C-alpha atoms as a PDB file:
ATOM      1  CA  UNK A   1     186.842 -79.988 -29.815  1.00  0.00           C
ATOM      2  CA  UNK A   2     189.301 -82.956 -28.669  1.00  0.00           C
ATOM      3  CA  UNK A   3     192.960 -82.107 -28.831  1.00  0.00           C
ATOM      4  CA  UNK A   4     196.281 -84.061 -28.697  1.00  0.00           C
ATOM      5  CA  UNK A   5     198.600 -83.823 -25.397  1.00  0.00           C
ATOM      6  CA  UNK A   6     200.555 -81.089 -27.428  1.00  0.00           C
ATOM      7  CA  UNK A   7     197.194 -78.968 -27.833  1.00  0.00           C
ATOM      8  CA  UNK A   8     196.832 -79.432 -31.572  1.00  0.00           C
ATOM      9  CA  UNK A   9     193.316 -80.896 -32.945  1.00  0.00           C
ATOM     10  CA  UNK A  10     193.100 -84.570 -32.935  1.00  0.00           C
ATOM     11  CA  UNK A  11     192.946 -86.652 -35.993  1.00  0.00           C
ATOM     12  CA  UNK A  12     193.502 -90.209 -34.685  1.00  0.00           C
ATOM     13  CA  UNK A  13     192.150 -92.143 -31.539  1.00  0.00           C
ATOM     14  CA  UNK A  14     194.336 -95.141 -30.235  1.00  0.00           C
ATOM     15  CA  UNK A  15     194.139 -97.191 -26.997  1.00  0.00           C
ATOM     16  CA  UNK A  16     196.718 -98.136 -24.341  1.00  0.00           C
ATOM     17  CA  UNK A  17     196.341-100.410 -21.164  1.00  0.00           C
ATOM     18  CA  UNK A  18     196.044 -98.357 -17.558  1.00  0.00           C
ATOM     19  CA  UNK A  19     198.474 -98.206 -15.301  1.00  0.00           C
ATOM     20  CA  UNK A  20     197.640 -99.579 -11.737  1.00  0.00           C
ATOM     21  CA  UNK A  21     196.717 -96.814 -10.207  1.00  0.00           C
ATOM     22  CA  UNK A  22     194.101 -95.670 -13.341  1.00  0.00           C
ATOM     23  CA  UNK A  23     192.688 -99.168 -13.433  1.00  0.00           C
ATOM     24  CA  UNK A  24     191.664 -98.981 -10.167  1.00  0.00           C
ATOM     25  CA  UNK A  25     189.851 -95.666 -10.540  1.00  0.00           C
ATOM     26  CA  UNK A  26     188.015 -97.004 -13.697  1.00  0.00           C
ATOM     27  CA  UNK A  27     186.393 -99.951 -11.344  1.00  0.00           C
ATOM     28  CA  UNK A  28     185.811 -99.286  -7.959  1.00  0.00           C
ATOM     29  CA  UNK A  29     185.186-102.969  -6.620  1.00  0.00           C
ATOM     30  CA  UNK A  30     188.737-104.415  -8.634  1.00  0.00           C
ATOM     31  CA  UNK A  31     191.213-103.334 -10.914  1.00  0.00           C
ATOM     32  CA  UNK A  32     190.023-104.013 -14.678  1.00  0.00           C
ATOM     33  CA  UNK A  33     192.805-105.621 -16.431  1.00  0.00           C
ATOM     34  CA  UNK A  34     190.814-105.450 -19.769  1.00  0.00           C
ATOM     35  CA  UNK A  35     190.101-101.958 -19.663  1.00  0.00           C
ATOM     36  CA  UNK A  36     191.935 -99.173 -21.782  1.00  0.00           C
ATOM     37  CA  UNK A  37     192.506 -95.781 -22.032  1.00  0.00           C
ATOM     38  CA  UNK A  38     191.678 -93.599 -25.154  1.00  0.00           C
ATOM     39  CA  UNK A  39     194.621 -91.595 -26.742  1.00  0.00           C
ATOM     40  CA  UNK A  40     193.809 -88.916 -29.057  1.00  0.00           C
ATOM     41  CA  UNK A  41     196.747 -87.773 -31.199  1.00  0.00           C
ATOM     42  CA  UNK A  42     197.231 -84.773 -33.866  1.00  0.00           C
ATOM     43  CA  UNK A  43     198.714 -85.256 -37.320  1.00  0.00           C
ATOM     44  CA  UNK A  44     202.476 -84.967 -35.746  1.00  0.00           C
ATOM     45  CA  UNK A  45     201.762 -87.673 -32.871  1.00  0.00           C
ATOM     46  CA  UNK A  46     199.354 -90.122 -34.779  1.00  0.00           C
ATOM     47  CA  UNK A  47     199.763 -93.824 -35.503  1.00  0.00           C
ATOM     48  CA  UNK A  48     199.298 -95.616 -38.667  1.00  0.00           C
ATOM     49  CA  UNK A  49     195.576 -97.008 -38.909  1.00  0.00           C
ATOM     50  CA  UNK A  50     197.072-100.561 -38.388  1.00  0.00           C
ATOM     51  CA  UNK A  51     199.079 -99.418 -35.170  1.00  0.00           C
ATOM     52  CA  UNK A  52     195.798 -97.711 -33.796  1.00  0.00           C
ATOM     53  CA  UNK A  53     193.849-100.506 -34.135  1.00  0.00           C
ATOM     54  CA  UNK A  54     195.873-102.363 -31.423  1.00  0.00           C
ATOM     55  CA  UNK A  55     196.203-101.998 -27.900  1.00  0.00           C
ATOM     56  CA  UNK A  56     199.360-100.366 -26.540  1.00  0.00           C
ATOM     57  CA  UNK A  57     201.374-100.857 -23.115  1.00  0.00           C
ATOM     58  CA  UNK A  58     200.592 -98.322 -20.279  1.00  0.00           C
ATOM     59  CA  UNK A  59     204.074 -96.834 -20.776  1.00  0.00           C
ATOM     60  CA  UNK A  60     203.392 -96.205 -24.503  1.00  0.00           C
ATOM     61  CA  UNK A  61     204.210 -92.357 -25.354  1.00  0.00           C
ATOM     62  CA  UNK A  62     202.970 -92.940 -28.717  1.00  0.00           C
ATOM     63  CA  UNK A  63     205.140 -91.717 -31.865  1.00  0.00           C
ATOM     64  CA  UNK A  64     206.687 -88.158 -32.551  1.00  0.00           C
ATOM     65  CA  UNK A  65     207.583 -86.123 -35.511  1.00  0.00           C
ATOM     66  CA  UNK A  66     210.698 -88.339 -35.957  1.00  0.00           C
ATOM     67  CA  UNK A  67     210.117 -91.776 -33.703  1.00  0.00           C
ATOM     68  CA  UNK A  68     207.761 -94.307 -34.055  1.00  0.00           C
ATOM     69  CA  UNK A  69     205.654 -96.047 -31.061  1.00  0.00           C
ATOM     70  CA  UNK A  70     208.146 -97.061 -28.305  1.00  0.00           C
ATOM     71  CA  UNK A  71     206.329-100.084 -27.140  1.00  0.00           C
ATOM     72  CA  UNK A  72     205.130-103.513 -28.370  1.00  0.00           C
ATOM     73  CA  UNK A  73     201.496-103.473 -28.940  1.00  0.00           C
ATOM     74  CA  UNK A  74     199.558-106.505 -28.179  1.00  0.00           C
ATOM     75  CA  UNK A  75     198.610-108.610 -30.961  1.00  0.00           C
ATOM     76  CA  UNK A  76     195.120-108.337 -32.823  1.00  0.00           C
ATOM     77  CA  UNK A  77     192.487-111.093 -31.276  1.00  0.00           C
ATOM     78  CA  UNK A  78     192.063-114.223 -33.065  1.00  0.00           C
ATOM     79  CA  UNK A  79     188.327-114.749 -34.095  1.00  0.00           C
ATOM     80  CA  UNK A  80     186.807-117.691 -32.024  1.00  0.00           C
ATOM     81  CA  UNK A  81     184.711-119.156 -34.849  1.00  0.00           C
ATOM     82  CA  UNK A  82     185.749-121.980 -36.690  1.00  0.00           C
ATOM     83  CA  UNK A  83     186.339-122.494 -40.252  1.00  0.00           C
ATOM     84  CA  UNK A  84     186.800-119.981 -43.173  1.00  0.00           C
ATOM     85  CA  UNK A  85     185.557-116.568 -42.309  1.00  0.00           C
ATOM     86  CA  UNK A  86     185.335-116.098 -46.117  1.00  0.00           C
ATOM     87  CA  UNK A  87     183.083-119.045 -46.630  1.00  0.00           C
ATOM     88  CA  UNK A  88     180.112-119.115 -43.900  1.00  0.00           C
ATOM     89  CA  UNK A  89     178.285-122.201 -43.255  1.00  0.00           C
ATOM     90  CA  UNK A  90     174.837-120.451 -43.123  1.00  0.00           C
ATOM     91  CA  UNK A  91     173.586-117.411 -44.907  1.00  0.00           C
ATOM     92  CA  UNK A  92     171.333-115.035 -43.118  1.00  0.00           C
ATOM     93  CA  UNK A  93     168.362-114.559 -45.227  1.00  0.00           C
ATOM     94  CA  UNK A  94     167.638-111.711 -47.796  1.00  0.00           C
ATOM     95  CA  UNK A  95     166.670-108.522 -46.107  1.00  0.00           C
ATOM     96  CA  UNK A  96     168.104-109.631 -42.580  1.00  0.00           C
END
């Protein structure tokens, strides 16, 4: 069973950037600045689904029972395709 830092069962996973020493252990040849560390949280320490979808700073402690997240998460990436995503230019064939 995966647990939160407080020992309770985890109900949500979010991610944070690694500290420099963690990054150097993740990749042997060079620190990986795009890597992230998974963080598990119980119901008392859980983020909202919208906040859990973002990448948080290395120093983020996550929320507590009465406080919110203590960092400014990175913004969601912008899709790299042109045009309106609701109206694709090409449709996939049926059954694809």
